[in-house]
Amino acid sequence: MTKADLVNQIAFQTGYDKSTILNVVEAAILNVKKSVAMGDNVYLRGFGSFIVKTRAEKYARNVSAHKSILVPEHKIAGFRPSKQFNELVNNK
């Protein structure tokens, strides 16, 4: 499902026009991205959580150059589905 498919489905279900729904979806996505970028977790009950994970500093191998390189500690975004979401996925 693409964003356009999502907008079409929500517009059909709610009766609102597609441009309004697109603005709402875009605003929701933008706010989730901003919150996670600032280091805050976003919890959507019944759906899941967008979380910030910290990867520890580690050594990695550059196989072609035969050297070890230090990968510094960094943060990544992650998604943890809720229990209800996992049950829905596993029952279908």
Protein backbone atom coordinates (compact mmCIF):
# COMPACT_ATOMS: atom_id res chain seq x y z
CA MET A 1 0.00 0.00 0.00
CA THR A 2 1.35 3.40 -0.95
CA LYS A 3 0.60 6.75 0.65
CA ALA A 4 -1.80 7.51 -2.21
CA ASP A 5 -3.63 4.22 -1.58
CA LEU A 6 -3.88 5.06 2.10
CA VAL A 7 -5.25 8.53 1.35
CA ASN A 8 -7.81 7.09 -1.09
CA GLN A 9 -8.98 4.49 1.42
CA ILE A 10 -9.32 6.99 4.27
CA ALA A 11 -11.14 9.46 2.00
CA PHE A 12 -13.57 6.72 0.94
CA GLN A 13 -14.18 5.60 4.55
CA THR A 14 -14.62 9.08 6.03
CA GLY A 15 -16.20 11.01 3.16
CA TYR A 16 -13.62 13.81 3.34
CA ASP A 17 -11.90 15.02 0.19
CA LYS A 18 -8.52 13.57 -0.73
CA SER A 19 -6.60 16.84 -0.41
CA THR A 20 -7.68 17.24 3.23
CA ILE A 21 -6.76 13.65 4.04
CA LEU A 22 -3.40 14.04 2.28
CA ASN A 23 -2.64 17.13 4.40
CA VAL A 24 -3.52 15.23 7.59
CA VAL A 25 -1.41 12.20 6.65
CA GLU A 26 1.55 14.42 5.66
CA ALA A 27 1.27 16.39 8.93
CA ALA A 28 1.15 13.17 10.97
CA ILE A 29 4.21 11.74 9.23
CA LEU A 30 6.10 15.03 9.59
CA ASN A 31 5.36 15.22 13.32
CA VAL A 32 6.45 11.61 13.89
CA LYS A 33 9.71 12.26 12.00
CA LYS A 34 10.40 15.48 13.93
CA SER A 35 9.77 13.83 17.31
CA VAL A 36 11.98 10.85 16.56
CA ALA A 37 14.71 13.13 15.16
CA MET A 38 14.70 15.07 18.46
CA GLY A 39 15.16 11.78 20.34
CA ASP A 40 11.58 11.38 21.55
CA ASN A 41 9.67 8.13 21.16
CA VAL A 42 6.20 8.19 19.60
CA TYR A 43 3.62 5.77 21.02
CA LEU A 44 0.49 4.98 19.01
CA ARG A 45 -1.62 2.70 21.21
CA GLY A 46 -2.87 -0.34 19.33
CA PHE A 47 -0.46 0.25 16.42
CA GLY A 48 3.10 0.48 17.70
CA SER A 49 5.95 2.71 18.79
CA PHE A 50 8.48 4.66 16.77
CA ILE A 51 11.60 4.54 18.92
CA VAL A 52 15.16 5.82 18.88
CA LYS A 53 17.81 3.13 19.34
CA THR A 54 21.45 3.75 20.14
CA ARG A 55 24.03 1.54 18.43
CA ALA A 56 27.22 1.11 20.43
CA GLU A 57 30.65 1.98 19.10
CA LYS A 58 32.24 -1.02 17.36
CA TYR A 59 35.01 -2.14 15.09
CA ALA A 60 34.11 -3.28 11.59
CA ARG A 61 36.18 -4.83 8.83
CA ASN A 62 36.81 -3.28 5.44
CA VAL A 63 37.44 -6.56 3.64
CA SER A 64 38.73 -5.08 0.39
CA ALA A 65 41.33 -2.88 2.15
CA HIS A 66 42.11 -5.46 4.90
CA LYS A 67 41.67 -2.83 7.61
CA SER A 68 39.61 -2.43 10.72
CA ILE A 69 37.63 0.77 11.07
CA LEU A 70 35.94 2.24 14.10
CA VAL A 71 32.23 2.84 13.66
CA PRO A 72 31.21 5.49 16.22
CA GLU A 73 28.13 5.27 18.41
CA HIS A 74 25.08 6.42 16.48
CA LYS A 75 21.30 6.51 16.71
CA ILE A 76 18.81 4.82 14.42
CA ALA A 77 15.03 4.96 14.16
CA GLY A 78 13.06 1.81 14.82
CA PHE A 79 9.50 0.60 14.91
CA ARG A 80 8.10 -1.79 17.51
CA PRO A 81 4.61 -3.07 16.66
CA SER A 82 2.04 -3.36 19.43
CA LYS A 83 0.83 -6.69 20.75
CA GLN A 84 -2.56 -6.23 19.03
CA PHE A 85 -0.87 -5.44 15.71
CA ASN A 86 1.35 -8.52 15.95
CA GLU A 87 -1.65 -10.71 16.77
CA LEU A 88 -3.55 -9.34 13.78
CA VAL A 89 -0.60 -10.03 11.47
CA ASN A 90 -0.05 -13.55 12.81
CA ASN A 91 -3.72 -14.57 12.68
CA LYS A 92 -4.17 -13.70 9.00
